[in-house]
């Protein structure tokens, strides 16, 4: 059944903008950014950060201007400077290396990612082989794979097809997932695994984080019938990419990902009568505001807010500032 097109005004020059909510920063991202800011306040500049603290070019650029230095290897961190571990989490080996060098280590890993790490270690300790559902090469997946001390207790799968064919050791099984996946695609993969391995153990509640689930649900409610759906976020952001896919699946005629107003192809809006707008969990709200401000200078707009959930989750700081 085709979803109804959002009601249009009689004046075809007015563009209806359906604004998805929740959108933008989640509690884990806010905590991670605040951790870098607090570390700079306490230790001065430079502060080193293992990997991009979150996957957003604007956030990374702002923190770099403040004195954060983003590195991929701990070998790049001087012994007298602190290092912050990013929100995506890190393998056990990275923590061990920082400890062996006696680095001041501040862990900004999202608590929901840490939950997956803890689950993974518990399953391995109980003698289970762990199936990780996620995207190869993503920092969060690298961190979770790195929770296995032998490197061979975890198998990564990305698709339902892989789940239907994967060959696994003759051992009790468990599964965990990357926190930023498509809710619908992940559910399909889990269903395949459960049909093949009825005794497989899994989390009591899905590993996909509340923010990812909420933003996908908001896009599903916002996108149907729109001519264009714009997701503000960076290409390296898994949850932002998933929102584009969600918008297309929900019925938007076209969906695109953009870092913000400065890099957006405004010609995409020329023939549109209605567009949807959201932002990934690592994209600051100021980018949404700048996008809408620029759009309003090009065409008259009418904004309709589509809210599907309210969020009030706050995580405790990773660093207690010295008084």
C-alpha atoms as a PDB file:
ATOM      1  CA  UNK A   1       0.000   0.000   0.000  1.00  0.00           C
ATOM      2  CA  UNK A   2       1.459   3.333  -1.057  1.00  0.00           C
ATOM      3  CA  UNK A   3       1.817   5.818   1.798  1.00  0.00           C
ATOM      4  CA  UNK A   4      -0.114   9.087   1.358  1.00  0.00           C
ATOM      5  CA  UNK A   5       1.855  12.111   0.247  1.00  0.00           C
ATOM      6  CA  UNK A   6       2.114  14.765   2.987  1.00  0.00           C
ATOM      7  CA  UNK A   7      -0.597  17.393   2.520  1.00  0.00           C
ATOM      8  CA  UNK A   8       0.669  20.168   0.259  1.00  0.00           C
ATOM      9  CA  UNK A   9      -0.219  23.807   0.365  1.00  0.00           C
ATOM     10  CA  UNK A  10      -1.964  25.442  -2.619  1.00  0.00           C
ATOM     11  CA  UNK A  11       1.155  27.522  -3.226  1.00  0.00           C
ATOM     12  CA  UNK A  12       3.508  25.136  -5.006  1.00  0.00           C
ATOM     13  CA  UNK A  13       6.478  27.387  -4.240  1.00  0.00           C
ATOM     14  CA  UNK A  14       6.195  26.557  -0.539  1.00  0.00           C
ATOM     15  CA  UNK A  15       8.231  23.504   0.430  1.00  0.00           C
ATOM     16  CA  UNK A  16       6.876  21.280   3.187  1.00  0.00           C
ATOM     17  CA  UNK A  17       9.710  20.125   5.450  1.00  0.00           C
ATOM     18  CA  UNK A  18       8.933  17.126   7.639  1.00  0.00           C
ATOM     19  CA  UNK A  19      11.394  17.233  10.530  1.00  0.00           C
ATOM     20  CA  UNK A  20      12.032  13.886  12.231  1.00  0.00           C
ATOM     21  CA  UNK A  21      12.377  13.710  15.995  1.00  0.00           C
ATOM     22  CA  UNK A  22      14.360  12.297  17.762  1.00  0.00           C
ATOM     23  CA  UNK A  23      17.395  13.156  15.667  1.00  0.00           C
ATOM     24  CA  UNK A  24      21.008  14.182  16.216  1.00  0.00           C
ATOM     25  CA  UNK A  25      23.179  13.676  19.279  1.00  0.00           C
ATOM     26  CA  UNK A  26      22.577  10.704  21.555  1.00  0.00           C
ATOM     27  CA  UNK A  27      23.701  10.383  25.169  1.00  0.00           C
ATOM     28  CA  UNK A  28      26.787   8.335  24.257  1.00  0.00           C
ATOM     29  CA  UNK A  29      27.974  10.912  21.726  1.00  0.00           C
ATOM     30  CA  UNK A  30      27.371  13.798  24.123  1.00  0.00           C
ATOM     31  CA  UNK A  31      29.338  11.953  26.810  1.00  0.00           C
ATOM     32  CA  UNK A  32      32.247  11.241  24.457  1.00  0.00           C
ATOM     33  CA  UNK A  33      32.521  14.832  23.246  1.00  0.00           C
ATOM     34  CA  UNK A  34      32.269  16.124  26.810  1.00  0.00           C
ATOM     35  CA  UNK A  35      35.047  13.705  27.803  1.00  0.00           C
ATOM     36  CA  UNK A  36      37.469  15.261  25.296  1.00  0.00           C
ATOM     37  CA  UNK A  37      36.475  18.764  26.378  1.00  0.00           C
ATOM     38  CA  UNK A  38      36.898  17.886  30.071  1.00  0.00           C
ATOM     39  CA  UNK A  39      40.272  16.253  29.414  1.00  0.00           C
ATOM     40  CA  UNK A  40      41.471  19.382  27.620  1.00  0.00           C
ATOM     41  CA  UNK A  41      40.262  21.455  30.553  1.00  0.00           C
ATOM     42  CA  UNK A  42      42.044  19.296  33.111  1.00  0.00           C
ATOM     43  CA  UNK A  43      45.279  18.431  31.296  1.00  0.00           C
ATOM     44  CA  UNK A  44      45.658  21.244  28.777  1.00  0.00           C
ATOM     45  CA  UNK A  45      46.505  20.800  25.117  1.00  0.00           C
ATOM     46  CA  UNK A  46      47.317  18.639  23.336  1.00  0.00           C
ATOM     47  CA  UNK A  47      45.061  15.736  24.272  1.00  0.00           C
ATOM     48  CA  UNK A  48      45.343  12.638  22.107  1.00  0.00           C
ATOM     49  CA  UNK A  49      42.283  10.691  21.001  1.00  0.00           C
ATOM     50  CA  UNK A  50      42.465   7.131  19.713  1.00  0.00           C
ATOM     51  CA  UNK A  51      40.380   7.211  16.532  1.00  0.00           C
ATOM     52  CA  UNK A  52      37.800   9.916  15.778  1.00  0.00           C
ATOM     53  CA  UNK A  53      35.897  10.484  19.021  1.00  0.00           C
ATOM     54  CA  UNK A  54      32.632  10.213  17.041  1.00  0.00           C
ATOM     55  CA  UNK A  55      32.082   9.953  13.301  1.00  0.00           C
ATOM     56  CA  UNK A  56      31.310  13.535  12.367  1.00  0.00           C
ATOM     57  CA  UNK A  57      33.688  15.827  10.522  1.00  0.00           C
ATOM     58  CA  UNK A  58      32.356  19.002  12.146  1.00  0.00           C
ATOM     59  CA  UNK A  59      32.728  17.642  15.677  1.00  0.00           C
ATOM     60  CA  UNK A  60      36.226  16.351  14.979  1.00  0.00           C
ATOM     61  CA  UNK A  61      37.298  19.657  13.406  1.00  0.00           C
ATOM     62  CA  UNK A  62      36.023  21.688  16.360  1.00  0.00           C
ATOM     63  CA  UNK A  63      37.790  19.505  18.911  1.00  0.00           C
ATOM     64  CA  UNK A  64      40.987  19.549  16.842  1.00  0.00           C
ATOM     65  CA  UNK A  65      40.901  23.342  16.906  1.00  0.00           C
ATOM     66  CA  UNK A  66      40.643  23.159  20.697  1.00  0.00           C
ATOM     67  CA  UNK A  67      43.750  20.968  20.938  1.00  0.00           C
ATOM     68  CA  UNK A  68      42.627  17.377  20.373  1.00  0.00           C
ATOM     69  CA  UNK A  69      44.946  15.252  18.237  1.00  0.00           C
ATOM     70  CA  UNK A  70      43.298  12.237  16.603  1.00  0.00           C
ATOM     71  CA  UNK A  71      45.516   9.190  16.052  1.00  0.00           C
ATOM     72  CA  UNK A  72      45.027   5.602  14.945  1.00  0.00           C
ATOM     73  CA  UNK A  73      48.004   4.145  16.818  1.00  0.00           C
ATOM     74  CA  UNK A  74      48.955   4.543  20.462  1.00  0.00           C
ATOM     75  CA  UNK A  75      52.565   4.735  19.272  1.00  0.00           C
ATOM     76  CA  UNK A  76      51.736   8.302  18.224  1.00  0.00           C
ATOM     77  CA  UNK A  77      50.836   9.297  21.798  1.00  0.00           C
ATOM     78  CA  UNK A  78      53.686  10.874  23.837  1.00  0.00           C
ATOM     79  CA  UNK A  79      54.200   9.210  27.204  1.00  0.00           C
ATOM     80  CA  UNK A  80      53.472  12.455  29.079  1.00  0.00           C
ATOM     81  CA  UNK A  81      50.094  13.199  27.459  1.00  0.00           C
ATOM     82  CA  UNK A  82      46.643  11.713  28.136  1.00  0.00           C
ATOM     83  CA  UNK A  83      44.806   9.583  25.602  1.00  0.00           C
ATOM     84  CA  UNK A  84      41.036   9.332  25.238  1.00  0.00           C
ATOM     85  CA  UNK A  85      39.510   6.149  23.826  1.00  0.00           C
ATOM     86  CA  UNK A  86      36.684   6.940  21.390  1.00  0.00           C
ATOM     87  CA  UNK A  87      32.980   6.232  21.806  1.00  0.00           C
ATOM     88  CA  UNK A  88      33.243   3.191  19.508  1.00  0.00           C
ATOM     89  CA  UNK A  89      35.235   1.120  21.989  1.00  0.00           C
ATOM     90  CA  UNK A  90      38.601  -0.560  21.640  1.00  0.00           C
ATOM     91  CA  UNK A  91      40.021  -4.091  21.689  1.00  0.00           C
ATOM     92  CA  UNK A  92      41.555  -5.427  24.878  1.00  0.00           C
ATOM     93  CA  UNK A  93      44.989  -5.202  23.261  1.00  0.00           C
ATOM     94  CA  UNK A  94      44.714  -1.398  22.963  1.00  0.00           C
ATOM     95  CA  UNK A  95      43.915  -1.069  26.660  1.00  0.00           C
ATOM     96  CA  UNK A  96      46.805  -3.369  27.513  1.00  0.00           C
ATOM     97  CA  UNK A  97      49.201  -1.346  25.381  1.00  0.00           C
ATOM     98  CA  UNK A  98      48.135   1.932  27.013  1.00  0.00           C
ATOM     99  CA  UNK A  99      48.590   0.361  30.445  1.00  0.00           C
ATOM    100  CA  UNK A 100      52.003  -1.047  29.574  1.00  0.00           C
ATOM    101  CA  UNK A 101      53.144   2.432  28.547  1.00  0.00           C
ATOM    102  CA  UNK A 102      51.636   3.926  31.725  1.00  0.00           C
ATOM    103  CA  UNK A 103      49.598   6.374  29.678  1.00  0.00           C
ATOM    104  CA  UNK A 104      46.877   8.426  31.346  1.00  0.00           C
ATOM    105  CA  UNK A 105      43.938   6.633  29.732  1.00  0.00           C
ATOM    106  CA  UNK A 106      40.420   8.027  29.731  1.00  0.00           C
ATOM    107  CA  UNK A 107      37.780   5.717  28.287  1.00  0.00           C
ATOM    108  CA  UNK A 108      34.911   7.462  26.473  1.00  0.00           C
ATOM    109  CA  UNK A 109      33.454   4.211  25.116  1.00  0.00           C
ATOM    110  CA  UNK A 110      29.667   4.429  24.958  1.00  0.00           C
ATOM    111  CA  UNK A 111      28.174   2.481  27.891  1.00  0.00           C
ATOM    112  CA  UNK A 112      25.929   0.606  25.451  1.00  0.00           C
ATOM    113  CA  UNK A 113      28.986  -0.567  23.506  1.00  0.00           C
ATOM    114  CA  UNK A 114      30.622  -1.576  26.774  1.00  0.00           C
ATOM    115  CA  UNK A 115      27.543  -3.676  27.488  1.00  0.00           C
ATOM    116  CA  UNK A 116      28.176  -5.601  24.257  1.00  0.00           C
ATOM    117  CA  UNK A 117      31.852  -6.033  25.200  1.00  0.00           C
ATOM    118  CA  UNK A 118      30.861  -7.426  28.597  1.00  0.00           C
ATOM    119  CA  UNK A 119      28.342  -9.801  27.032  1.00  0.00           C
ATOM    120  CA  UNK A 120      30.949 -11.023  24.573  1.00  0.00           C
ATOM    121  CA  UNK A 121      33.531 -11.729  27.271  1.00  0.00           C
ATOM    122  CA  UNK A 122      30.950 -13.535  29.435  1.00  0.00           C
ATOM    123  CA  UNK A 123      29.901 -15.772  26.539  1.00  0.00           C
ATOM    124  CA  UNK A 124      33.515 -16.632  25.735  1.00  0.00           C
ATOM    125  CA  UNK A 125      34.260 -17.348  29.407  1.00  0.00           C
ATOM    126  CA  UNK A 126      31.254 -19.692  29.454  1.00  0.00           C
ATOM    127  CA  UNK A 127      32.684 -21.627  26.499  1.00  0.00           C
ATOM    128  CA  UNK A 128      30.378 -20.238  23.822  1.00  0.00           C
ATOM    129  CA  UNK A 129      31.415 -19.285  20.311  1.00  0.00           C
ATOM    130  CA  UNK A 130      30.128 -15.773  19.607  1.00  0.00           C
ATOM    131  CA  UNK A 131      28.557 -14.600  16.367  1.00  0.00           C
ATOM    132  CA  UNK A 132      28.929 -10.847  15.946  1.00  0.00           C
ATOM    133  CA  UNK A 133      26.430  -9.212  13.593  1.00  0.00           C
ATOM    134  CA  UNK A 134      28.045  -6.077  12.213  1.00  0.00           C
ATOM    135  CA  UNK A 135      29.972  -4.352   9.450  1.00  0.00           C
ATOM    136  CA  UNK A 136      33.562  -5.420   8.829  1.00  0.00           C
ATOM    137  CA  UNK A 137      36.106  -2.693   9.437  1.00  0.00           C
ATOM    138  CA  UNK A 138      33.888  -0.485  11.572  1.00  0.00           C
ATOM    139  CA  UNK A 139      35.753   0.630  14.744  1.00  0.00           C
ATOM    140  CA  UNK A 140      33.002  -0.704  16.980  1.00  0.00           C
ATOM    141  CA  UNK A 141      33.223  -4.116  15.331  1.00  0.00           C
ATOM    142  CA  UNK A 142      37.015  -4.100  15.619  1.00  0.00           C
ATOM    143  CA  UNK A 143      36.667  -3.325  19.318  1.00  0.00           C
ATOM    144  CA  UNK A 144      34.139  -6.086  19.935  1.00  0.00           C
ATOM    145  CA  UNK A 145      36.136  -8.647  17.933  1.00  0.00           C
ATOM    146  CA  UNK A 146      39.084  -7.660  20.088  1.00  0.00           C
ATOM    147  CA  UNK A 147      37.350  -8.862  23.241  1.00  0.00           C
ATOM    148  CA  UNK A 148      38.326 -12.436  22.336  1.00  0.00           C
ATOM    149  CA  UNK A 149      41.726 -13.239  23.876  1.00  0.00           C
ATOM    150  CA  UNK A 150      42.502 -15.933  21.289  1.00  0.00           C
ATOM    151  CA  UNK A 151      41.086 -14.078  18.295  1.00  0.00           C
ATOM    152  CA  UNK A 152      39.187 -17.189  17.219  1.00  0.00           C
ATOM    153  CA  UNK A 153      36.157 -17.231  19.496  1.00  0.00           C
ATOM    154  CA  UNK A 154      34.131 -14.744  17.411  1.00  0.00           C
ATOM    155  CA  UNK A 155      32.721 -15.011  13.884  1.00  0.00           C
ATOM    156  CA  UNK A 156      31.543 -11.872  12.089  1.00  0.00           C
ATOM    157  CA  UNK A 157      28.539 -11.994   9.773  1.00  0.00           C
ATOM    158  CA  UNK A 158      26.967  -9.102   7.869  1.00  0.00           C
ATOM    159  CA  UNK A 159      23.961 -10.458   5.958  1.00  0.00           C
ATOM    160  CA  UNK A 160      21.109 -12.953   6.094  1.00  0.00           C
ATOM    161  CA  UNK A 161      22.825 -14.910   3.318  1.00  0.00           C
ATOM    162  CA  UNK A 162      25.974 -15.250   5.412  1.00  0.00           C
ATOM    163  CA  UNK A 163      23.862 -16.281   8.403  1.00  0.00           C
ATOM    164  CA  UNK A 164      22.250 -19.042   6.337  1.00  0.00           C
ATOM    165  CA  UNK A 165      25.587 -20.444   5.170  1.00  0.00           C
ATOM    166  CA  UNK A 166      28.148 -19.750   7.892  1.00  0.00           C
ATOM    167  CA  UNK A 167      30.056 -22.762   9.195  1.00  0.00           C
ATOM    168  CA  UNK A 168      30.627 -22.642  12.945  1.00  0.00           C
ATOM    169  CA  UNK A 169      32.537 -24.699  15.500  1.00  0.00           C
ATOM    170  CA  UNK A 170      30.806 -27.546  17.275  1.00  0.00           C
ATOM    171  CA  UNK A 171      30.260 -25.574  20.465  1.00  0.00           C
ATOM    172  CA  UNK A 172      27.481 -23.696  22.271  1.00  0.00           C
ATOM    173  CA  UNK A 173      26.667 -20.489  20.399  1.00  0.00           C
ATOM    174  CA  UNK A 174      25.731 -16.908  21.264  1.00  0.00           C
ATOM    175  CA  UNK A 175      25.215 -13.738  19.275  1.00  0.00           C
ATOM    176  CA  UNK A 176      25.787 -10.033  19.856  1.00  0.00           C
ATOM    177  CA  UNK A 177      25.386  -7.097  17.484  1.00  0.00           C
ATOM    178  CA  UNK A 178      26.942  -3.802  16.559  1.00  0.00           C
ATOM    179  CA  UNK A 179      24.842  -1.060  18.182  1.00  0.00           C
ATOM    180  CA  UNK A 180      24.290   1.071  15.061  1.00  0.00           C
ATOM    181  CA  UNK A 181      22.740  -1.388  12.617  1.00  0.00           C
ATOM    182  CA  UNK A 182      19.445  -1.349  10.757  1.00  0.00           C
ATOM    183  CA  UNK A 183      16.823  -2.673  13.167  1.00  0.00           C
ATOM    184  CA  UNK A 184      14.897  -4.498  10.434  1.00  0.00           C
ATOM    185  CA  UNK A 185      17.917  -6.062   8.719  1.00  0.00           C
ATOM    186  CA  UNK A 186      19.384  -7.200  12.027  1.00  0.00           C
ATOM    187  CA  UNK A 187      16.103  -8.785  13.051  1.00  0.00           C
ATOM    188  CA  UNK A 188      16.125 -10.776   9.825  1.00  0.00           C
ATOM    189  CA  UNK A 189      19.672 -12.014  10.453  1.00  0.00           C
ATOM    190  CA  UNK A 190      18.796 -13.025  14.013  1.00  0.00           C
ATOM    191  CA  UNK A 191      15.728 -14.903  12.785  1.00  0.00           C
ATOM    192  CA  UNK A 192      17.909 -16.907  10.379  1.00  0.00           C
ATOM    193  CA  UNK A 193      20.393 -17.739  13.141  1.00  0.00           C
ATOM    194  CA  UNK A 194      17.637 -18.828  15.525  1.00  0.00           C
ATOM    195  CA  UNK A 195      16.076 -21.039  12.869  1.00  0.00           C
ATOM    196  CA  UNK A 196      19.429 -22.749  12.228  1.00  0.00           C
ATOM    197  CA  UNK A 197      20.586 -22.830  15.839  1.00  0.00           C
ATOM    198  CA  UNK A 198      17.542 -22.960  18.156  1.00  0.00           C
ATOM    199  CA  UNK A 199      19.683 -23.031  21.305  1.00  0.00           C
ATOM    200  CA  UNK A 200      21.740 -19.956  20.430  1.00  0.00           C
ATOM    201  CA  UNK A 201      22.017 -17.515  23.332  1.00  0.00           C
ATOM    202  CA  UNK A 202      21.370 -13.807  22.843  1.00  0.00           C
ATOM    203  CA  UNK A 203      20.818 -10.630  24.809  1.00  0.00           C
ATOM    204  CA  UNK A 204      17.606 -10.228  26.810  1.00  0.00           C
ATOM    205  CA  UNK A 205      17.183  -6.926  24.980  1.00  0.00           C
ATOM    206  CA  UNK A 206      18.600  -6.185  21.533  1.00  0.00           C
ATOM    207  CA  UNK A 207      22.067  -4.635  21.371  1.00  0.00           C
ATOM    208  CA  UNK A 208      21.045  -1.956  18.862  1.00  0.00           C
ATOM    209  CA  UNK A 209      21.083   1.176  20.974  1.00  0.00           C
ATOM    210  CA  UNK A 210      17.971   3.136  21.885  1.00  0.00           C
ATOM    211  CA  UNK A 211      19.134   6.158  19.865  1.00  0.00           C
ATOM    212  CA  UNK A 212      19.652   4.164  16.676  1.00  0.00           C
ATOM    213  CA  UNK A 213      16.246   2.480  17.080  1.00  0.00           C
ATOM    214  CA  UNK A 214      14.498   5.771  17.881  1.00  0.00           C
ATOM    215  CA  UNK A 215      16.013   7.632  14.935  1.00  0.00           C
ATOM    216  CA  UNK A 216      15.118   4.866  12.514  1.00  0.00           C
ATOM    217  CA  UNK A 217      11.536   4.789  13.854  1.00  0.00           C
ATOM    218  CA  UNK A 218      11.263   8.577  13.440  1.00  0.00           C
ATOM    219  CA  UNK A 219      12.495   8.352   9.844  1.00  0.00           C
ATOM    220  CA  UNK A 220       9.998   5.571   9.108  1.00  0.00           C
ATOM    221  CA  UNK A 221       7.209   7.865  10.288  1.00  0.00           C
ATOM    222  CA  UNK A 222       8.549  10.926   8.449  1.00  0.00           C
ATOM    223  CA  UNK A 223       9.693   9.606   5.073  1.00  0.00           C
ATOM    224  CA  UNK A 224       6.606   8.075   3.408  1.00  0.00           C
ATOM    225  CA  UNK A 225       5.514  10.074   0.359  1.00  0.00           C
ATOM    226  CA  UNK A 226       8.300  12.655   0.512  1.00  0.00           C
ATOM    227  CA  UNK A 227      10.074  13.645  -2.690  1.00  0.00           C
ATOM    228  CA  UNK A 228      13.439  13.800  -0.934  1.00  0.00           C
ATOM    229  CA  UNK A 229      14.828  12.793   2.440  1.00  0.00           C
ATOM    230  CA  UNK A 230      17.955  14.494   3.763  1.00  0.00           C
ATOM    231  CA  UNK A 231      20.040  12.881   6.496  1.00  0.00           C
ATOM    232  CA  UNK A 232      22.657  15.152   8.014  1.00  0.00           C
ATOM    233  CA  UNK A 233      25.728  13.184   9.027  1.00  0.00           C
ATOM    234  CA  UNK A 234      29.095  11.960   7.810  1.00  0.00           C
ATOM    235  CA  UNK A 235      29.723   9.050   5.452  1.00  0.00           C
ATOM    236  CA  UNK A 236      31.784   7.288   8.138  1.00  0.00           C
ATOM    237  CA  UNK A 237      28.790   7.290  10.495  1.00  0.00           C
ATOM    238  CA  UNK A 238      27.116   3.880  10.395  1.00  0.00           C
ATOM    239  CA  UNK A 239      23.899   5.046  12.038  1.00  0.00           C
ATOM    240  CA  UNK A 240      23.602   7.958   9.573  1.00  0.00           C
ATOM    241  CA  UNK A 241      24.006   5.660   6.566  1.00  0.00           C
ATOM    242  CA  UNK A 242      21.318   3.384   8.018  1.00  0.00           C
ATOM    243  CA  UNK A 243      18.921   6.350   8.199  1.00  0.00           C
ATOM    244  CA  UNK A 244      19.290   6.916   4.446  1.00  0.00           C
ATOM    245  CA  UNK A 245      18.474   3.261   3.827  1.00  0.00           C
ATOM    246  CA  UNK A 246      15.524   3.480   6.225  1.00  0.00           C
ATOM    247  CA  UNK A 247      14.090   6.528   4.443  1.00  0.00           C
ATOM    248  CA  UNK A 248      14.196   4.803   1.058  1.00  0.00           C
ATOM    249  CA  UNK A 249      12.644   1.631   2.461  1.00  0.00           C
ATOM    250  CA  UNK A 250       9.897   3.705   4.126  1.00  0.00           C
ATOM    251  CA  UNK A 251       8.820   5.312   0.864  1.00  0.00           C
ATOM    252  CA  UNK A 252      10.792   8.461   0.149  1.00  0.00           C
ATOM    253  CA  UNK A 253      11.429   8.915  -3.561  1.00  0.00           C
ATOM    254  CA  UNK A 254      15.072   9.794  -2.953  1.00  0.00           C
ATOM    255  CA  UNK A 255      17.313   9.934   0.120  1.00  0.00           C
ATOM    256  CA  UNK A 256      20.760  11.459   0.506  1.00  0.00           C
ATOM    257  CA  UNK A 257      23.415  11.876   3.175  1.00  0.00           C
ATOM    258  CA  UNK A 258      25.155  15.227   3.587  1.00  0.00           C
ATOM    259  CA  UNK A 259      27.666  16.712   6.001  1.00  0.00           C
ATOM    260  CA  UNK A 260      25.637  19.917   6.083  1.00  0.00           C
ATOM    261  CA  UNK A 261      24.432  22.970   4.196  1.00  0.00           C
ATOM    262  CA  UNK A 262      27.839  23.817   2.746  1.00  0.00           C
ATOM    263  CA  UNK A 263      28.214  20.492   0.922  1.00  0.00           C
ATOM    264  CA  UNK A 264      24.573  19.833   0.007  1.00  0.00           C
ATOM    265  CA  UNK A 265      23.444  19.815  -3.635  1.00  0.00           C
ATOM    266  CA  UNK A 266      20.603  22.325  -3.398  1.00  0.00           C
ATOM    267  CA  UNK A 267      19.375  21.529  -6.902  1.00  0.00           C
ATOM    268  CA  UNK A 268      17.861  18.364  -5.413  1.00  0.00           C
ATOM    269  CA  UNK A 269      15.180  20.533  -3.804  1.00  0.00           C
ATOM    270  CA  UNK A 270      14.195  22.432  -6.940  1.00  0.00           C
ATOM    271  CA  UNK A 271      11.308  20.213  -8.002  1.00  0.00           C
ATOM    272  CA  UNK A 272      10.408  18.892  -4.552  1.00  0.00           C
ATOM    273  CA  UNK A 273       7.113  19.718  -2.854  1.00  0.00           C
ATOM    274  CA  UNK A 274       7.952  17.868   0.372  1.00  0.00           C
ATOM    275  CA  UNK A 275      11.198  16.743   1.959  1.00  0.00           C
ATOM    276  CA  UNK A 276      12.091  14.951   5.165  1.00  0.00           C
ATOM    277  CA  UNK A 277      15.034  15.889   7.357  1.00  0.00           C
ATOM    278  CA  UNK A 278      16.847  13.985  10.101  1.00  0.00           C
ATOM    279  CA  UNK A 279      20.362  13.774  11.532  1.00  0.00           C
ATOM    280  CA  UNK A 280      22.554  10.907  12.642  1.00  0.00           C
ATOM    281  CA  UNK A 281      23.375  10.366  16.312  1.00  0.00           C
ATOM    282  CA  UNK A 282      26.788  12.014  15.924  1.00  0.00           C
ATOM    283  CA  UNK A 283      25.547  15.116  14.088  1.00  0.00           C
ATOM    284  CA  UNK A 284      25.065  18.320  16.136  1.00  0.00           C
ATOM    285  CA  UNK A 285      21.698  20.082  15.986  1.00  0.00           C
ATOM    286  CA  UNK A 286      23.394  23.259  14.789  1.00  0.00           C
ATOM    287  CA  UNK A 287      23.949  21.535  11.429  1.00  0.00           C
ATOM    288  CA  UNK A 288      20.211  20.903  11.127  1.00  0.00           C
ATOM    289  CA  UNK A 289      19.473  24.533  11.993  1.00  0.00           C
ATOM    290  CA  UNK A 290      22.015  25.762   9.433  1.00  0.00           C
ATOM    291  CA  UNK A 291      20.492  23.501   6.780  1.00  0.00           C
ATOM    292  CA  UNK A 292      16.973  24.790   7.446  1.00  0.00           C
ATOM    293  CA  UNK A 293      18.152  28.407   7.540  1.00  0.00           C
ATOM    294  CA  UNK A 294      19.869  28.061   4.172  1.00  0.00           C
ATOM    295  CA  UNK A 295      16.867  26.245   2.706  1.00  0.00           C
ATOM    296  CA  UNK A 296      14.516  28.996   3.883  1.00  0.00           C
ATOM    297  CA  UNK A 297      16.620  31.570   2.019  1.00  0.00           C
ATOM    298  CA  UNK A 298      16.116  29.643  -1.209  1.00  0.00           C
ATOM    299  CA  UNK A 299      12.413  28.777  -0.901  1.00  0.00           C
ATOM    300  CA  UNK A 300       9.541  29.506   1.471  1.00  0.00           C
ATOM    301  CA  UNK A 301       9.219  26.515   3.800  1.00  0.00           C
ATOM    302  CA  UNK A 302       6.579  25.113   6.110  1.00  0.00           C
ATOM    303  CA  UNK A 303       7.940  22.850   8.856  1.00  0.00           C
ATOM    304  CA  UNK A 304       5.998  19.901  10.206  1.00  0.00           C
ATOM    305  CA  UNK A 305       7.547  18.150  13.204  1.00  0.00           C
ATOM    306  CA  UNK A 306       7.108  14.378  13.366  1.00  0.00           C
ATOM    307  CA  UNK A 307       7.965  13.140  16.847  1.00  0.00           C
ATOM    308  CA  UNK A 308       7.860   9.434  17.664  1.00  0.00           C
ATOM    309  CA  UNK A 309       9.673   9.338  21.032  1.00  0.00           C
ATOM    310  CA  UNK A 310      11.132  11.533  23.740  1.00  0.00           C
ATOM    311  CA  UNK A 311      14.676  10.928  24.990  1.00  0.00           C
ATOM    312  CA  UNK A 312      15.932  11.858  28.442  1.00  0.00           C
ATOM    313  CA  UNK A 313      18.846   9.447  28.888  1.00  0.00           C
ATOM    314  CA  UNK A 314      22.073  10.915  30.286  1.00  0.00           C
ATOM    315  CA  UNK A 315      25.272   8.939  30.959  1.00  0.00           C
ATOM    316  CA  UNK A 316      27.628   9.715  33.819  1.00  0.00           C
ATOM    317  CA  UNK A 317      30.836  11.567  32.829  1.00  0.00           C
ATOM    318  CA  UNK A 318      33.870   9.452  31.986  1.00  0.00           C
ATOM    319  CA  UNK A 319      36.200  11.908  33.710  1.00  0.00           C
ATOM    320  CA  UNK A 320      35.792  13.582  37.070  1.00  0.00           C
ATOM    321  CA  UNK A 321      37.338  17.025  36.877  1.00  0.00           C
ATOM    322  CA  UNK A 322      39.870  17.954  39.529  1.00  0.00           C
ATOM    323  CA  UNK A 323      38.540  20.592  41.897  1.00  0.00           C
END
